[in-house]
Each structure stands twice: as structure tokens, then as C-alpha cells.
């Protein structure tokens, strides 16, 4: 698991989970649906990957269990909601900055998916 203090890149699963939680608390199935929407179907996350990642993220302090319920009257009480923590927000911000620098670097070199495909 990536430790925020070591400033290492996030795994794709951790990145997408943090991105999904950046707009609000979600339960597991809602995280999977948000990852699918955010990636336009390019990233599929099964329950094993999701819950294994969430456990490691909880242990690392990147996410916390949230007591909030979106719609308490209709919500299944067994659902566990997760929220991004301060450390998770910092890790996501560092990853986004890493991506921004890469885009800047490649743009400065005139590299685009089209120029690379043309070889």
C-alpha cells in the first residue's frame, strides 16, 4: 500500500477509489459504479479489488468509515459508507500534480496520442 509520506504513485485502484470518494461518501457498490462512470467503462473494479483496496486504504489512513447515510429512510443499514480522509485528499492531490507535470512534460515535447501512433 502506498504510504502518503513516501510520495509514491498511487495504484490505479487506489487512485480511482479516492477520485470516486472526492465528491462525497459512498458505499462499495456506489464506488464501483462511480469508477465505471469516471473511467467511461475503461476501468472495471470487482468486489475483491475494491474491498481489498479499501481495507489497505483504511489501514493506511487514506479513507475512513463514515457514519453518514445518504438516504437513511431507504438505505440498507448493513452498508458501510467510506469517506476520503485528509491524508487521502493529500495523496490524491499529489497524484493529480504528478499527472499535471507529466502532461506538461509531454506537451512540451510535442507528444500526443496521435503523434505517437503515427510513429
PDB file of N, CA and C in Angstrom:
ATOM      1  N   UNK A   1       0.858  -1.190   0.000  1.00  0.00           N
ATOM      2  CA  UNK A   1       0.000   0.000   0.000  1.00  0.00           C
ATOM      3  C   UNK A   1       0.884   1.225   0.000  1.00  0.00           C
ATOM      4  N   UNK A   2       0.507   2.207  -0.757  1.00  0.00           N
ATOM      5  CA  UNK A   2       1.245   3.445  -0.832  1.00  0.00           C
ATOM      6  C   UNK A   2       1.090   4.217   0.467  1.00  0.00           C
ATOM      7  N   UNK A   3       2.204   4.639   1.037  1.00  0.00           N
ATOM      8  CA  UNK A   3       2.196   5.487   2.220  1.00  0.00           C
ATOM      9  C   UNK A   3       2.273   6.928   1.734  1.00  0.00           C
ATOM     10  N   UNK A   4       1.365   7.768   2.209  1.00  0.00           N
ATOM     11  CA  UNK A   4       1.323   9.160   1.767  1.00  0.00           C
ATOM     12  C   UNK A   4       2.676   9.824   1.968  1.00  0.00           C
ATOM     13  N   UNK A   5       3.363   9.478   3.040  1.00  0.00           N
ATOM     14  CA  UNK A   5       4.629  10.130   3.357  1.00  0.00           C
ATOM     15  C   UNK A   5       5.734   9.785   2.387  1.00  0.00           C
ATOM     16  N   UNK A   6       5.640   8.671   1.681  1.00  0.00           N
ATOM     17  CA  UNK A   6       6.717   8.319   0.762  1.00  0.00           C
ATOM     18  C   UNK A   6       6.511   8.895  -0.631  1.00  0.00           C
ATOM     19  N   UNK A   7       5.376   9.554  -0.852  1.00  0.00           N
ATOM     20  CA  UNK A   7       5.101  10.282  -2.095  1.00  0.00           C
ATOM     21  C   UNK A   7       5.256   9.411  -3.339  1.00  0.00           C
ATOM     22  N   UNK A   8       4.948   8.132  -3.215  1.00  0.00           N
ATOM     23  CA  UNK A   8       4.997   7.229  -4.350  1.00  0.00           C
ATOM     24  C   UNK A   8       3.679   7.305  -5.120  1.00  0.00           C
ATOM     25  N   UNK A   9       3.712   6.993  -6.418  1.00  0.00           N
ATOM     26  CA  UNK A   9       2.462   6.989  -7.185  1.00  0.00           C
ATOM     27  C   UNK A   9       1.446   6.020  -6.588  1.00  0.00           C
ATOM     28  N   UNK A  10       0.182   6.368  -6.723  1.00  0.00           N
ATOM     29  CA  UNK A  10      -0.908   5.507  -6.260  1.00  0.00           C
ATOM     30  C   UNK A  10      -1.154   4.401  -7.269  1.00  0.00           C
ATOM     31  N   UNK A  11      -1.634   3.270  -6.799  1.00  0.00           N
ATOM     32  CA  UNK A  11      -2.045   2.225  -7.731  1.00  0.00           C
ATOM     33  C   UNK A  11      -3.306   2.720  -8.450  1.00  0.00           C
ATOM     34  N   UNK A  12      -3.599   2.192  -9.627  1.00  0.00           N
ATOM     35  CA  UNK A  12      -4.821   2.612 -10.315  1.00  0.00           C
ATOM     36  C   UNK A  12      -6.082   2.423  -9.463  1.00  0.00           C
ATOM     37  N   UNK A  13      -6.174   1.308  -8.728  1.00  0.00           N
ATOM     38  CA  UNK A  13      -7.366   1.068  -7.914  1.00  0.00           C
ATOM     39  C   UNK A  13      -7.502   2.137  -6.830  1.00  0.00           C
ATOM     40  N   UNK A  14      -6.415   2.422  -6.129  1.00  0.00           N
ATOM     41  CA  UNK A  14      -6.459   3.429  -5.061  1.00  0.00           C
ATOM     42  C   UNK A  14      -6.786   4.800  -5.643  1.00  0.00           C
ATOM     43  N   UNK A  15      -6.172   5.145  -6.758  1.00  0.00           N
ATOM     44  CA  UNK A  15      -6.454   6.430  -7.398  1.00  0.00           C
ATOM     45  C   UNK A  15      -7.942   6.560  -7.719  1.00  0.00           C
ATOM     46  N   UNK A  16      -8.508   5.547  -8.338  1.00  0.00           N
ATOM     47  CA  UNK A  16      -9.912   5.621  -8.747  1.00  0.00           C
ATOM     48  C   UNK A  16     -10.862   5.626  -7.554  1.00  0.00           C
ATOM     49  N   UNK A  17     -10.528   4.902  -6.500  1.00  0.00           N
ATOM     50  CA  UNK A  17     -11.363   4.924  -5.298  1.00  0.00           C
ATOM     51  C   UNK A  17     -11.322   6.309  -4.660  1.00  0.00           C
ATOM     52  N   UNK A  18     -10.136   6.884  -4.518  1.00  0.00           N
ATOM     53  CA  UNK A  18     -10.039   8.235  -3.947  1.00  0.00           C
ATOM     54  C   UNK A  18     -10.766   9.253  -4.814  1.00  0.00           C
ATOM     55  N   UNK A  19     -10.634   9.126  -6.115  1.00  0.00           N
ATOM     56  CA  UNK A  19     -11.332  10.029  -7.025  1.00  0.00           C
ATOM     57  C   UNK A  19     -12.846   9.903  -6.847  1.00  0.00           C
ATOM     58  N   UNK A  20     -13.339   8.682  -6.728  1.00  0.00           N
ATOM     59  CA  UNK A  20     -14.778   8.466  -6.532  1.00  0.00           C
ATOM     60  C   UNK A  20     -15.244   9.071  -5.214  1.00  0.00           C
ATOM     61  N   UNK A  21     -14.429   8.971  -4.170  1.00  0.00           N
ATOM     62  CA  UNK A  21     -14.816   9.495  -2.855  1.00  0.00           C
ATOM     63  C   UNK A  21     -14.602  10.997  -2.730  1.00  0.00           C
ATOM     64  N   UNK A  22     -13.881  11.590  -3.680  1.00  0.00           N
ATOM     65  CA  UNK A  22     -13.594  13.029  -3.586  1.00  0.00           C
ATOM     66  C   UNK A  22     -14.850  13.882  -3.722  1.00  0.00           C
ATOM     67  N   UNK A  23     -15.907  13.312  -4.291  1.00  0.00           N
ATOM     68  CA  UNK A  23     -17.149  14.075  -4.454  1.00  0.00           C
ATOM     69  C   UNK A  23     -18.206  13.699  -3.423  1.00  0.00           C
ATOM     70  N   UNK A  24     -17.844  12.840  -2.461  1.00  0.00           N
ATOM     71  CA  UNK A  24     -18.785  12.512  -1.393  1.00  0.00           C
ATOM     72  C   UNK A  24     -18.655  11.080  -0.914  1.00  0.00           C
ATOM     73  N   UNK A  25     -19.228  10.821   0.244  1.00  0.00           N
ATOM     74  CA  UNK A  25     -19.194   9.482   0.834  1.00  0.00           C
ATOM     75  C   UNK A  25     -19.980   8.506  -0.039  1.00  0.00           C
ATOM     76  N   UNK A  26     -19.497   7.272  -0.094  1.00  0.00           N
ATOM     77  CA  UNK A  26     -20.159   6.250  -0.896  1.00  0.00           C
ATOM     78  C   UNK A  26     -19.979   4.883  -0.243  1.00  0.00           C
ATOM     79  N   UNK A  27     -20.905   3.994  -0.514  1.00  0.00           N
ATOM     80  CA  UNK A  27     -20.740   2.595  -0.123  1.00  0.00           C
ATOM     81  C   UNK A  27     -20.067   1.866  -1.280  1.00  0.00           C
ATOM     82  N   UNK A  28     -19.677   0.618  -1.032  1.00  0.00           N
ATOM     83  CA  UNK A  28     -18.877  -0.130  -2.001  1.00  0.00           C
ATOM     84  C   UNK A  28     -19.436  -0.183  -3.405  1.00  0.00           C
ATOM     85  N   UNK A  29     -20.708  -0.567  -3.538  1.00  0.00           N
ATOM     86  CA  UNK A  29     -21.288  -0.677  -4.877  1.00  0.00           C
ATOM     87  C   UNK A  29     -21.310   0.684  -5.572  1.00  0.00           C
ATOM     88  N   UNK A  30     -21.593   1.741  -4.818  1.00  0.00           N
ATOM     89  CA  UNK A  30     -21.611   3.090  -5.405  1.00  0.00           C
ATOM     90  C   UNK A  30     -20.211   3.512  -5.842  1.00  0.00           C
ATOM     91  N   UNK A  31     -19.183   3.075  -5.107  1.00  0.00           N
ATOM     92  CA  UNK A  31     -17.806   3.364  -5.531  1.00  0.00           C
ATOM     93  C   UNK A  31     -17.532   2.669  -6.865  1.00  0.00           C
ATOM     94  N   UNK A  32     -17.901   1.389  -6.972  1.00  0.00           N
ATOM     95  CA  UNK A  32     -17.677   0.657  -8.230  1.00  0.00           C
ATOM     96  C   UNK A  32     -18.392   1.334  -9.397  1.00  0.00           C
ATOM     97  N   UNK A  33     -19.621   1.782  -9.173  1.00  0.00           N
ATOM     98  CA  UNK A  33     -20.377   2.459 -10.232  1.00  0.00           C
ATOM     99  C   UNK A  33     -19.727   3.789 -10.600  1.00  0.00           C
ATOM    100  N   UNK A  34     -19.224   4.530  -9.606  1.00  0.00           N
ATOM    101  CA  UNK A  34     -18.584   5.819  -9.881  1.00  0.00           C
ATOM    102  C   UNK A  34     -17.276   5.625 -10.637  1.00  0.00           C
ATOM    103  N   UNK A  35     -16.510   4.613 -10.277  1.00  0.00           N
ATOM    104  CA  UNK A  35     -15.268   4.307 -11.004  1.00  0.00           C
ATOM    105  C   UNK A  35     -15.592   3.998 -12.462  1.00  0.00           C
ATOM    106  N   UNK A  36     -16.627   3.207 -12.696  1.00  0.00           N
ATOM    107  CA  UNK A  36     -17.039   2.881 -14.059  1.00  0.00           C
ATOM    108  C   UNK A  36     -17.428   4.152 -14.826  1.00  0.00           C
ATOM    109  N   UNK A  37     -18.196   5.032 -14.176  1.00  0.00           N
ATOM    110  CA  UNK A  37     -18.616   6.282 -14.830  1.00  0.00           C
ATOM    111  C   UNK A  37     -17.424   7.199 -15.080  1.00  0.00           C
ATOM    112  N   UNK A  38     -16.571   7.365 -14.066  1.00  0.00           N
ATOM    113  CA  UNK A  38     -15.408   8.260 -14.204  1.00  0.00           C
ATOM    114  C   UNK A  38     -14.480   7.805 -15.324  1.00  0.00           C
ATOM    115  N   UNK A  39     -14.335   6.494 -15.475  1.00  0.00           N
ATOM    116  CA  UNK A  39     -13.404   5.961 -16.474  1.00  0.00           C
ATOM    117  C   UNK A  39     -14.086   5.667 -17.805  1.00  0.00           C
ATOM    118  N   UNK A  40     -15.361   6.002 -17.906  1.00  0.00           N
ATOM    119  CA  UNK A  40     -16.150   5.729 -19.104  1.00  0.00           C
ATOM    120  C   UNK A  40     -16.076   4.248 -19.479  1.00  0.00           C
ATOM    121  N   UNK A  41     -16.141   3.397 -18.448  1.00  0.00           N
ATOM    122  CA  UNK A  41     -16.152   1.964 -18.655  1.00  0.00           C
ATOM    123  C   UNK A  41     -14.801   1.326 -18.897  1.00  0.00           C
ATOM    124  N   UNK A  42     -13.740   2.115 -18.859  1.00  0.00           N
ATOM    125  CA  UNK A  42     -12.400   1.569 -19.136  1.00  0.00           C
ATOM    126  C   UNK A  42     -11.790   0.867 -17.930  1.00  0.00           C
ATOM    127  N   UNK A  43     -12.263   1.212 -16.735  1.00  0.00           N
ATOM    128  CA  UNK A  43     -11.764   0.571 -15.517  1.00  0.00           C
ATOM    129  C   UNK A  43     -12.921  -0.153 -14.861  1.00  0.00           C
ATOM    130  N   UNK A  44     -12.777  -1.456 -14.718  1.00  0.00           N
ATOM    131  CA  UNK A  44     -13.787  -2.224 -14.002  1.00  0.00           C
ATOM    132  C   UNK A  44     -13.146  -2.739 -12.731  1.00  0.00           C
ATOM    133  N   UNK A  45     -13.875  -2.582 -11.644  1.00  0.00           N
ATOM    134  CA  UNK A  45     -13.343  -2.963 -10.353  1.00  0.00           C
ATOM    135  C   UNK A  45     -14.305  -3.959  -9.719  1.00  0.00           C
ATOM    136  N   UNK A  46     -13.835  -5.171  -9.534  1.00  0.00           N
ATOM    137  CA  UNK A  46     -14.655  -6.179  -8.894  1.00  0.00           C
ATOM    138  C   UNK A  46     -14.618  -6.029  -7.382  1.00  0.00           C
ATOM    139  N   UNK A  47     -15.476  -6.770  -6.702  1.00  0.00           N
ATOM    140  CA  UNK A  47     -15.546  -6.672  -5.247  1.00  0.00           C
ATOM    141  C   UNK A  47     -14.226  -7.015  -4.546  1.00  0.00           C
ATOM    142  N   UNK A  48     -13.496  -8.007  -5.041  1.00  0.00           N
ATOM    143  CA  UNK A  48     -12.229  -8.388  -4.415  1.00  0.00           C
ATOM    144  C   UNK A  48     -11.223  -7.255  -4.434  1.00  0.00           C
ATOM    145  N   UNK A  49     -11.064  -6.627  -5.591  1.00  0.00           N
ATOM    146  CA  UNK A  49     -10.148  -5.500  -5.718  1.00  0.00           C
ATOM    147  C   UNK A  49     -10.614  -4.333  -4.862  1.00  0.00           C
ATOM    148  N   UNK A  50     -11.908  -4.032  -4.940  1.00  0.00           N
ATOM    149  CA  UNK A  50     -12.446  -2.891  -4.199  1.00  0.00           C
ATOM    150  C   UNK A  50     -12.256  -3.063  -2.698  1.00  0.00           C
ATOM    151  N   UNK A  51     -12.758  -4.159  -2.151  1.00  0.00           N
ATOM    152  CA  UNK A  51     -12.729  -4.310  -0.696  1.00  0.00           C
ATOM    153  C   UNK A  51     -11.328  -4.598  -0.165  1.00  0.00           C
ATOM    154  N   UNK A  52     -10.490  -5.261  -0.953  1.00  0.00           N
ATOM    155  CA  UNK A  52      -9.087  -5.430  -0.557  1.00  0.00           C
ATOM    156  C   UNK A  52      -8.377  -4.085  -0.508  1.00  0.00           C
ATOM    157  N   UNK A  53      -8.624  -3.265  -1.526  1.00  0.00           N
ATOM    158  CA  UNK A  53      -8.018  -1.926  -1.561  1.00  0.00           C
ATOM    159  C   UNK A  53      -8.547  -1.066  -0.426  1.00  0.00           C
ATOM    160  N   UNK A  54      -9.861  -1.112  -0.185  1.00  0.00           N
ATOM    161  CA  UNK A  54     -10.438  -0.304   0.894  1.00  0.00           C
ATOM    162  C   UNK A  54      -9.854  -0.693   2.251  1.00  0.00           C
ATOM    163  N   UNK A  55      -9.639  -1.987   2.474  1.00  0.00           N
ATOM    164  CA  UNK A  55      -9.052  -2.411   3.750  1.00  0.00           C
ATOM    165  C   UNK A  55      -7.657  -1.826   3.912  1.00  0.00           C
ATOM    166  N   UNK A  56      -6.841  -1.914   2.863  1.00  0.00           N
ATOM    167  CA  UNK A  56      -5.486  -1.366   2.938  1.00  0.00           C
ATOM    168  C   UNK A  56      -5.520   0.158   3.077  1.00  0.00           C
ATOM    169  N   UNK A  57      -6.483   0.790   2.410  1.00  0.00           N
ATOM    170  CA  UNK A  57      -6.609   2.249   2.489  1.00  0.00           C
ATOM    171  C   UNK A  57      -7.056   2.687   3.887  1.00  0.00           C
ATOM    172  N   UNK A  58      -7.943   1.907   4.506  1.00  0.00           N
ATOM    173  CA  UNK A  58      -8.348   2.178   5.895  1.00  0.00           C
ATOM    174  C   UNK A  58      -7.132   2.070   6.813  1.00  0.00           C
ATOM    175  N   UNK A  59      -6.354   1.004   6.634  1.00  0.00           N
ATOM    176  CA  UNK A  59      -5.166   0.788   7.462  1.00  0.00           C
ATOM    177  C   UNK A  59      -4.138   1.904   7.277  1.00  0.00           C
ATOM    178  N   UNK A  60      -4.030   2.429   6.061  1.00  0.00           N
ATOM    179  CA  UNK A  60      -3.074   3.498   5.760  1.00  0.00           C
ATOM    180  C   UNK A  60      -3.616   4.886   6.097  1.00  0.00           C
ATOM    181  N   UNK A  61      -4.892   4.959   6.470  1.00  0.00           N
ATOM    182  CA  UNK A  61      -5.483   6.252   6.829  1.00  0.00           C
ATOM    183  C   UNK A  61      -5.912   7.103   5.648  1.00  0.00           C
ATOM    184  N   UNK A  62      -6.034   6.499   4.458  1.00  0.00           N
ATOM    185  CA  UNK A  62      -6.451   7.260   3.279  1.00  0.00           C
ATOM    186  C   UNK A  62      -7.956   7.450   3.215  1.00  0.00           C
ATOM    187  N   UNK A  63      -8.697   6.514   3.811  1.00  0.00           N
ATOM    188  CA  UNK A  63     -10.154   6.600   3.892  1.00  0.00           C
ATOM    189  C   UNK A  63     -10.568   6.261   5.317  1.00  0.00           C
ATOM    190  N   UNK A  64     -11.790   6.649   5.648  1.00  0.00           N
ATOM    191  CA  UNK A  64     -12.383   6.312   6.949  1.00  0.00           C
ATOM    192  C   UNK A  64     -13.793   5.802   6.699  1.00  0.00           C
ATOM    193  N   UNK A  65     -14.279   5.016   7.638  1.00  0.00           N
ATOM    194  CA  UNK A  65     -15.685   4.635   7.567  1.00  0.00           C
ATOM    195  C   UNK A  65     -16.505   5.833   8.005  1.00  0.00           C
ATOM    196  N   UNK A  66     -17.555   6.107   7.267  1.00  0.00           N
ATOM    197  CA  UNK A  66     -18.399   7.265   7.535  1.00  0.00           C
ATOM    198  C   UNK A  66     -19.702   6.805   8.156  1.00  0.00           C
ATOM    199  N   UNK A  67     -20.156   7.518   9.152  1.00  0.00           N
ATOM    200  CA  UNK A  67     -21.442   7.212   9.763  1.00  0.00           C
ATOM    201  C   UNK A  67     -22.602   7.846   9.032  1.00  0.00           C
ATOM    202  N   UNK A  68     -22.288   8.660   8.034  1.00  0.00           N
ATOM    203  CA  UNK A  68     -23.330   9.359   7.280  1.00  0.00           C
ATOM    204  C   UNK A  68     -24.099   8.384   6.400  1.00  0.00           C
ATOM    205  N   UNK A  69     -25.374   8.637   6.264  1.00  0.00           N
ATOM    206  CA  UNK A  69     -26.236   7.878   5.358  1.00  0.00           C
ATOM    207  C   UNK A  69     -26.855   8.861   4.385  1.00  0.00           C
ATOM    208  N   UNK A  70     -26.756   8.573   3.112  1.00  0.00           N
ATOM    209  CA  UNK A  70     -27.266   9.471   2.088  1.00  0.00           C
ATOM    210  C   UNK A  70     -28.782   9.613   2.211  1.00  0.00           C
ATOM    211  N   UNK A  71     -29.470   8.490   2.264  1.00  0.00           N
ATOM    212  CA  UNK A  71     -30.927   8.483   2.424  1.00  0.00           C
ATOM    213  C   UNK A  71     -31.281   7.469   3.502  1.00  0.00           C
ATOM    214  N   UNK A  72     -31.182   7.876   4.781  1.00  0.00           N
ATOM    215  CA  UNK A  72     -31.349   6.923   5.883  1.00  0.00           C
ATOM    216  C   UNK A  72     -32.666   6.156   5.855  1.00  0.00           C
ATOM    217  N   UNK A  73     -33.721   6.742   5.363  1.00  0.00           N
ATOM    218  CA  UNK A  73     -35.034   6.082   5.372  1.00  0.00           C
ATOM    219  C   UNK A  73     -35.071   4.860   4.451  1.00  0.00           C
ATOM    220  N   UNK A  74     -34.304   4.902   3.372  1.00  0.00           N
ATOM    221  CA  UNK A  74     -34.353   3.791   2.416  1.00  0.00           C
ATOM    222  C   UNK A  74     -33.038   3.013   2.327  1.00  0.00           C
ATOM    223  N   UNK A  75     -32.034   3.465   3.036  1.00  0.00           N
ATOM    224  CA  UNK A  75     -30.712   2.857   2.945  1.00  0.00           C
ATOM    225  C   UNK A  75     -30.639   1.558   3.738  1.00  0.00           C
ATOM    226  N   UNK A  76     -29.941   0.593   3.192  1.00  0.00           N
ATOM    227  CA  UNK A  76     -29.698  -0.674   3.872  1.00  0.00           C
ATOM    228  C   UNK A  76     -28.710  -0.423   5.010  1.00  0.00           C
ATOM    229  N   UNK A  77     -29.094  -0.737   6.220  1.00  0.00           N
ATOM    230  CA  UNK A  77     -28.265  -0.453   7.396  1.00  0.00           C
ATOM    231  C   UNK A  77     -26.961  -1.259   7.406  1.00  0.00           C
ATOM    232  N   UNK A  78     -26.894  -2.321   6.603  1.00  0.00           N
ATOM    233  CA  UNK A  78     -25.661  -3.121   6.547  1.00  0.00           C
ATOM    234  C   UNK A  78     -24.583  -2.464   5.704  1.00  0.00           C
ATOM    235  N   UNK A  79     -24.959  -1.503   4.880  1.00  0.00           N
ATOM    236  CA  UNK A  79     -23.977  -0.851   4.019  1.00  0.00           C
ATOM    237  C   UNK A  79     -22.985  -0.039   4.848  1.00  0.00           C
ATOM    238  N   UNK A  80     -21.731  -0.155   4.452  1.00  0.00           N
ATOM    239  CA  UNK A  80     -20.686   0.646   5.075  1.00  0.00           C
ATOM    240  C   UNK A  80     -20.332   1.752   4.093  1.00  0.00           C
ATOM    241  N   UNK A  81     -20.393   2.974   4.556  1.00  0.00           N
ATOM    242  CA  UNK A  81     -20.018   4.115   3.737  1.00  0.00           C
ATOM    243  C   UNK A  81     -18.578   4.497   4.046  1.00  0.00           C
ATOM    244  N   UNK A  82     -17.885   4.965   3.021  1.00  0.00           N
ATOM    245  CA  UNK A  82     -16.494   5.367   3.158  1.00  0.00           C
ATOM    246  C   UNK A  82     -16.359   6.831   2.760  1.00  0.00           C
ATOM    247  N   UNK A  83     -15.409   7.496   3.405  1.00  0.00           N
ATOM    248  CA  UNK A  83     -15.121   8.901   3.109  1.00  0.00           C
ATOM    249  C   UNK A  83     -13.620   9.055   2.935  1.00  0.00           C
ATOM    250  N   UNK A  84     -13.230   9.963   2.085  1.00  0.00           N
ATOM    251  CA  UNK A  84     -11.813  10.268   1.911  1.00  0.00           C
ATOM    252  C   UNK A  84     -11.344  11.027   3.159  1.00  0.00           C
ATOM    253  N   UNK A  85     -10.165  10.709   3.637  1.00  0.00           N
ATOM    254  CA  UNK A  85      -9.599  11.381   4.815  1.00  0.00           C
ATOM    255  C   UNK A  85      -8.710  12.534   4.347  1.00  0.00           C
ATOM    256  N   UNK A  86      -8.191  13.290   5.300  1.00  0.00           N
ATOM    257  CA  UNK A  86      -7.242  14.350   4.960  1.00  0.00           C
ATOM    258  C   UNK A  86      -6.021  13.792   4.253  1.00  0.00           C
ATOM    259  N   UNK A  87      -5.508  12.669   4.769  1.00  0.00           N
ATOM    260  CA  UNK A  87      -4.348  12.030   4.133  1.00  0.00           C
ATOM    261  C   UNK A  87      -4.701  11.539   2.731  1.00  0.00           C
ATOM    262  N   UNK A  88      -5.927  11.040   2.563  1.00  0.00           N
ATOM    263  CA  UNK A  88      -6.369  10.597   1.239  1.00  0.00           C
ATOM    264  C   UNK A  88      -6.459  11.758   0.266  1.00  0.00           C
ATOM    265  N   UNK A  89      -6.961  12.888   0.738  1.00  0.00           N
ATOM    266  CA  UNK A  89      -7.029  14.088  -0.113  1.00  0.00           C
ATOM    267  C   UNK A  89      -5.634  14.547  -0.512  1.00  0.00           C
ATOM    268  N   UNK A  90      -4.693  14.492   0.426  1.00  0.00           N
ATOM    269  CA  UNK A  90      -3.311  14.872   0.111  1.00  0.00           C
ATOM    270  C   UNK A  90      -2.708  13.925  -0.916  1.00  0.00           C
ATOM    271  N   UNK A  91      -2.963  12.626  -0.751  1.00  0.00           N
ATOM    272  CA  UNK A  91      -2.432  11.642  -1.690  1.00  0.00           C
ATOM    273  C   UNK A  91      -3.023  11.839  -3.086  1.00  0.00           C
ATOM    274  N   UNK A  92      -4.332  12.100  -3.141  1.00  0.00           N
ATOM    275  CA  UNK A  92      -4.977  12.342  -4.432  1.00  0.00           C
ATOM    276  C   UNK A  92      -4.429  13.614  -5.065  1.00  0.00           C
ATOM    277  N   UNK A  93      -4.255  14.663  -4.273  1.00  0.00           N
ATOM    278  CA  UNK A  93      -3.691  15.913  -4.788  1.00  0.00           C
ATOM    279  C   UNK A  93      -2.284  15.719  -5.330  1.00  0.00           C
ATOM    280  N   UNK A  94      -1.468  14.939  -4.611  1.00  0.00           N
ATOM    281  CA  UNK A  94      -0.102  14.677  -5.072  1.00  0.00           C
ATOM    282  C   UNK A  94      -0.116  13.901  -6.383  1.00  0.00           C
ATOM    283  N   UNK A  95      -1.036  12.950  -6.498  1.00  0.00           N
ATOM    284  CA  UNK A  95      -1.136  12.168  -7.740  1.00  0.00           C
ATOM    285  C   UNK A  95      -1.588  13.050  -8.904  1.00  0.00           C
ATOM    286  N   UNK A  96      -2.550  13.909  -8.666  1.00  0.00           N
ATOM    287  CA  UNK A  96      -3.011  14.819  -9.722  1.00  0.00           C
ATOM    288  C   UNK A  96      -1.901  15.773 -10.145  1.00  0.00           C
ATOM    289  N   UNK A  97      -1.100  16.222  -9.189  1.00  0.00           N
ATOM    290  CA  UNK A  97       0.039  17.086  -9.526  1.00  0.00           C
ATOM    291  C   UNK A  97       1.062  16.309 -10.352  1.00  0.00           C
ATOM    292  N   UNK A  98       1.277  15.045 -10.016  1.00  0.00           N
ATOM    293  CA  UNK A  98       2.191  14.195 -10.790  1.00  0.00           C
ATOM    294  C   UNK A  98       1.686  14.078 -12.236  1.00  0.00           C
ATOM    295  N   UNK A  99       0.375  13.869 -12.409  1.00  0.00           N
ATOM    296  CA  UNK A  99      -0.205  13.786 -13.750  1.00  0.00           C
ATOM    297  C   UNK A  99      -0.074  15.120 -14.492  1.00  0.00           C
ATOM    298  N   UNK A 100      -0.314  16.231 -13.783  1.00  0.00           N
ATOM    299  CA  UNK A 100      -0.214  17.548 -14.407  1.00  0.00           C
ATOM    300  C   UNK A 100       1.200  17.779 -14.948  1.00  0.00           C
ATOM    301  N   UNK A 101       2.199  17.416 -14.132  1.00  0.00           N
ATOM    302  CA  UNK A 101       3.595  17.584 -14.574  1.00  0.00           C
ATOM    303  C   UNK A 101       3.906  16.709 -15.783  1.00  0.00           C
ATOM    304  N   UNK A 102       3.355  15.501 -15.818  1.00  0.00           N
ATOM    305  CA  UNK A 102       3.582  14.622 -16.966  1.00  0.00           C
ATOM    306  C   UNK A 102       2.948  15.181 -18.239  1.00  0.00           C
ATOM    307  N   UNK A 103       1.741  15.714 -18.112  1.00  0.00           N
ATOM    308  CA  UNK A 103       1.088  16.325 -19.273  1.00  0.00           C
ATOM    309  C   UNK A 103       1.901  17.520 -19.758  1.00  0.00           C
ATOM    310  N   UNK A 104       2.394  18.322 -18.827  1.00  0.00           N
ATOM    311  CA  UNK A 104       3.217  19.478 -19.185  1.00  0.00           C
ATOM    312  C   UNK A 104       4.496  19.028 -19.906  1.00  0.00           C
ATOM    313  N   UNK A 105       5.141  18.008 -19.383  1.00  0.00           N
ATOM    314  CA  UNK A 105       6.365  17.480 -19.977  1.00  0.00           C
ATOM    315  C   UNK A 105       6.118  16.957 -21.389  1.00  0.00           C
ATOM    316  N   UNK A 106       5.095  16.142 -21.546  1.00  0.00           N
ATOM    317  CA  UNK A 106       4.833  15.557 -22.862  1.00  0.00           C
ATOM    318  C   UNK A 106       4.354  16.605 -23.862  1.00  0.00           C
ATOM    319  N   UNK A 107       3.568  17.564 -23.388  1.00  0.00           N
ATOM    320  CA  UNK A 107       3.124  18.642 -24.282  1.00  0.00           C
ATOM    321  C   UNK A 107       4.313  19.460 -24.757  1.00  0.00           C
ATOM    322  N   UNK A 108       5.260  19.715 -23.847  1.00  0.00           N
ATOM    323  CA  UNK A 108       6.465  20.462 -24.209  1.00  0.00           C
ATOM    324  C   UNK A 108       7.306  19.750 -25.250  1.00  0.00           C
ATOM    325  N   UNK A 109       7.172  18.469 -25.319  1.00  0.00           N
ATOM    326  CA  UNK A 109       7.913  17.682 -26.309  1.00  0.00           C
ATOM    327  C   UNK A 109       7.086  17.423 -27.569  1.00  0.00           C
ATOM    328  N   UNK A 110       5.890  17.969 -27.592  1.00  0.00           N
ATOM    329  CA  UNK A 110       5.029  17.797 -28.766  1.00  0.00           C
ATOM    330  C   UNK A 110       4.432  16.400 -28.877  1.00  0.00           C
ATOM    331  N   UNK A 111       4.388  15.685 -27.773  1.00  0.00           N
ATOM    332  CA  UNK A 111       3.867  14.320 -27.796  1.00  0.00           C
ATOM    333  C   UNK A 111       2.377  14.320 -27.537  1.00  0.00           C
ATOM    334  N   UNK A 112       1.657  13.635 -28.378  1.00  0.00           N
ATOM    335  CA  UNK A 112       0.220  13.434 -28.207  1.00  0.00           C
ATOM    336  C   UNK A 112      -0.075  11.989 -28.620  1.00  0.00           C
ATOM    337  N   UNK A 113      -1.231  11.480 -28.259  1.00  0.00           N
ATOM    338  CA  UNK A 113      -1.553  10.117 -28.705  1.00  0.00           C
ATOM    339  C   UNK A 113      -1.479   9.989 -30.240  1.00  0.00           C
ATOM    340  N   UNK A 114      -1.829  11.038 -30.951  1.00  0.00           N
ATOM    341  CA  UNK A 114      -1.805  10.989 -32.407  1.00  0.00           C
ATOM    342  C   UNK A 114      -0.376  10.949 -32.924  1.00  0.00           C
ATOM    343  N   UNK A 115       0.517  11.803 -32.378  1.00  0.00           N
ATOM    344  CA  UNK A 115       1.908  11.806 -32.864  1.00  0.00           C
ATOM    345  C   UNK A 115       2.605  10.493 -32.521  1.00  0.00           C
ATOM    346  N   UNK A 116       2.256   9.907 -31.391  1.00  0.00           N
ATOM    347  CA  UNK A 116       2.872   8.643 -31.011  1.00  0.00           C
ATOM    348  C   UNK A 116       2.357   7.499 -31.881  1.00  0.00           C
ATOM    349  N   UNK A 117       1.082   7.534 -32.249  1.00  0.00           N
ATOM    350  CA  UNK A 117       0.503   6.483 -33.097  1.00  0.00           C
ATOM    351  C   UNK A 117       1.092   6.539 -34.509  1.00  0.00           C
ATOM    352  N   UNK A 118       1.422   7.762 -34.958  1.00  0.00           N
ATOM    353  CA  UNK A 118       1.986   7.922 -36.299  1.00  0.00           C
ATOM    354  C   UNK A 118       3.429   7.445 -36.369  1.00  0.00           C
ATOM    355  N   UNK A 119       4.066   7.318 -35.168  1.00  0.00           N
ATOM    356  CA  UNK A 119       5.421   6.777 -35.063  1.00  0.00           C
ATOM    357  C   UNK A 119       6.419   7.654 -35.659  1.00  0.00           C
TER     358      UNK A 119
END
